[in-house]
Amino acid sequence: MTLPRTASIVIVGGGVVGCSIAYHLAGRGVRDVVVLERETVGSGTTSKAAGGIRA
């Protein structure tokens, strides 16, 4: 995949928080958002990396 040269918002990390931020920005009409993740989006999310967030 080729990354765009510019973006209004760049989110580093495609875990639960990064994806949630992108989702909510899209809900507010922001369309120029890039989510950077070194592996598959959501692949590094674990209960230990949740920073105290519990469902």
N, C-alpha and C. Protein backbone atom coordinates (compact mmCIF):
# COMPACT_ATOMS: atom_id res chain seq x y z
N MET A 1 0.84 -1.17 0.00
CA MET A 1 0.00 0.00 0.00
C MET A 1 0.88 1.24 0.00
N THR A 2 0.53 2.20 -0.79
CA THR A 2 1.27 3.46 -0.86
C THR A 2 0.64 4.47 0.09
N LEU A 3 1.48 5.05 0.96
CA LEU A 3 0.98 6.05 1.89
C LEU A 3 0.83 7.40 1.19
N PRO A 4 -0.17 8.17 1.58
CA PRO A 4 -0.29 9.52 1.02
C PRO A 4 0.85 10.40 1.50
N ARG A 5 1.19 11.40 0.72
CA ARG A 5 2.28 12.31 1.09
C ARG A 5 1.84 13.30 2.17
N THR A 6 0.56 13.57 2.27
CA THR A 6 0.04 14.50 3.28
C THR A 6 -1.22 13.92 3.91
N ALA A 7 -1.51 14.39 5.10
CA ALA A 7 -2.74 14.01 5.80
C ALA A 7 -3.03 15.08 6.85
N SER A 8 -4.29 15.31 7.10
CA SER A 8 -4.67 16.27 8.15
C SER A 8 -4.32 15.72 9.52
N ILE A 9 -4.52 14.41 9.70
CA ILE A 9 -4.26 13.76 10.99
C ILE A 9 -3.54 12.44 10.75
N VAL A 10 -2.48 12.19 11.52
CA VAL A 10 -1.76 10.92 11.48
C VAL A 10 -1.84 10.30 12.87
N ILE A 11 -2.34 9.09 12.94
CA ILE A 11 -2.44 8.36 14.20
C ILE A 11 -1.39 7.27 14.19
N VAL A 12 -0.51 7.29 15.19
CA VAL A 12 0.55 6.28 15.28
C VAL A 12 0.06 5.18 16.21
N GLY A 13 -0.19 4.02 15.63
CA GLY A 13 -0.67 2.87 16.39
C GLY A 13 -2.07 2.49 15.98
N GLY A 14 -2.22 1.26 15.54
CA GLY A 14 -3.52 0.76 15.09
C GLY A 14 -4.15 -0.19 16.07
N GLY A 15 -3.94 0.08 17.36
CA GLY A 15 -4.59 -0.73 18.39
C GLY A 15 -5.99 -0.22 18.66
N VAL A 16 -6.56 -0.63 19.77
CA VAL A 16 -7.94 -0.28 20.09
C VAL A 16 -8.11 1.24 20.21
N VAL A 17 -7.16 1.93 20.81
CA VAL A 17 -7.30 3.37 20.99
C VAL A 17 -7.11 4.11 19.67
N GLY A 18 -6.07 3.76 18.92
CA GLY A 18 -5.83 4.41 17.63
C GLY A 18 -6.98 4.23 16.67
N CYS A 19 -7.51 3.02 16.59
CA CYS A 19 -8.65 2.75 15.70
C CYS A 19 -9.91 3.46 16.17
N SER A 20 -10.09 3.54 17.49
CA SER A 20 -11.24 4.26 18.03
C SER A 20 -11.17 5.74 17.69
N ILE A 21 -9.99 6.31 17.81
CA ILE A 21 -9.82 7.72 17.45
C ILE A 21 -10.15 7.93 15.98
N ALA A 22 -9.63 7.08 15.11
CA ALA A 22 -9.90 7.20 13.67
C ALA A 22 -11.40 7.06 13.39
N TYR A 23 -12.03 6.12 14.05
CA TYR A 23 -13.47 5.89 13.88
C TYR A 23 -14.27 7.14 14.27
N HIS A 24 -13.96 7.70 15.42
CA HIS A 24 -14.71 8.86 15.90
C HIS A 24 -14.43 10.11 15.07
N LEU A 25 -13.21 10.24 14.58
CA LEU A 25 -12.92 11.35 13.67
C LEU A 25 -13.73 11.22 12.38
N ALA A 26 -13.83 10.00 11.85
CA ALA A 26 -14.64 9.77 10.65
C ALA A 26 -16.10 10.10 10.92
N GLY A 27 -16.57 9.78 12.10
CA GLY A 27 -17.94 10.11 12.48
C GLY A 27 -18.20 11.59 12.54
N ARG A 28 -17.14 12.36 12.77
CA ARG A 28 -17.26 13.82 12.79
C ARG A 28 -16.98 14.44 11.42
N GLY A 29 -16.80 13.60 10.42
CA GLY A 29 -16.62 14.11 9.06
C GLY A 29 -15.19 14.30 8.62
N VAL A 30 -14.22 13.93 9.46
CA VAL A 30 -12.81 14.06 9.07
C VAL A 30 -12.47 12.89 8.15
N ARG A 31 -12.02 13.18 6.94
CA ARG A 31 -11.77 12.13 5.96
C ARG A 31 -10.29 11.95 5.63
N ASP A 32 -9.45 12.86 6.03
CA ASP A 32 -8.02 12.82 5.68
C ASP A 32 -7.20 12.33 6.87
N VAL A 33 -7.41 11.06 7.25
CA VAL A 33 -6.76 10.47 8.42
C VAL A 33 -5.93 9.26 7.98
N VAL A 34 -4.72 9.16 8.50
CA VAL A 34 -3.86 8.00 8.23
C VAL A 34 -3.55 7.33 9.56
N VAL A 35 -3.74 6.01 9.63
CA VAL A 35 -3.39 5.21 10.81
C VAL A 35 -2.14 4.41 10.45
N LEU A 36 -1.06 4.63 11.19
CA LEU A 36 0.19 3.90 10.96
C LEU A 36 0.30 2.74 11.94
N GLU A 37 0.56 1.56 11.41
CA GLU A 37 0.74 0.37 12.23
C GLU A 37 1.80 -0.49 11.56
N ARG A 38 2.77 -0.99 12.32
CA ARG A 38 3.86 -1.76 11.72
C ARG A 38 3.44 -3.16 11.30
N GLU A 39 2.44 -3.71 11.95
CA GLU A 39 1.93 -5.05 11.62
C GLU A 39 0.48 -4.91 11.19
N THR A 40 -0.29 -5.96 11.39
CA THR A 40 -1.71 -5.93 11.09
C THR A 40 -2.44 -5.09 12.13
N VAL A 41 -3.38 -4.28 11.71
CA VAL A 41 -4.13 -3.43 12.63
C VAL A 41 -4.79 -4.31 13.69
N GLY A 42 -4.58 -3.94 14.95
CA GLY A 42 -5.16 -4.68 16.07
C GLY A 42 -4.39 -5.92 16.49
N SER A 43 -3.32 -6.26 15.80
CA SER A 43 -2.60 -7.50 16.10
C SER A 43 -1.79 -7.42 17.39
N GLY A 44 -1.42 -6.24 17.82
CA GLY A 44 -0.60 -6.11 19.02
C GLY A 44 -1.39 -5.82 20.27
N THR A 45 -2.69 -5.76 20.18
CA THR A 45 -3.52 -5.43 21.32
C THR A 45 -3.62 -6.62 22.27
N THR A 46 -3.26 -6.38 23.53
CA THR A 46 -3.38 -7.41 24.56
C THR A 46 -3.99 -6.79 25.80
N SER A 47 -4.38 -7.61 26.74
CA SER A 47 -4.93 -7.09 27.99
C SER A 47 -3.86 -6.35 28.79
N LYS A 48 -2.59 -6.74 28.62
CA LYS A 48 -1.50 -6.08 29.35
C LYS A 48 -1.17 -4.71 28.76
N ALA A 49 -1.49 -4.48 27.49
CA ALA A 49 -1.20 -3.20 26.84
C ALA A 49 -2.39 -2.24 26.91
N ALA A 50 -3.44 -2.62 27.60
CA ALA A 50 -4.65 -1.81 27.62
C ALA A 50 -4.57 -0.62 28.57
N GLY A 51 -3.54 -0.55 29.37
CA GLY A 51 -3.37 0.60 30.26
C GLY A 51 -4.48 0.76 31.28
N GLY A 52 -5.05 -0.33 31.72
CA GLY A 52 -6.09 -0.25 32.74
C GLY A 52 -7.50 -0.17 32.18
N ILE A 53 -7.66 -0.19 30.88
CA ILE A 53 -9.00 -0.16 30.29
C ILE A 53 -9.58 -1.56 30.36
N ARG A 54 -10.71 -1.69 30.99
CA ARG A 54 -11.36 -2.99 31.11
C ARG A 54 -12.79 -2.88 30.60
N ALA A 55 -13.24 -3.91 29.90
CA ALA A 55 -14.61 -3.91 29.38
C ALA A 55 -15.53 -4.66 30.31
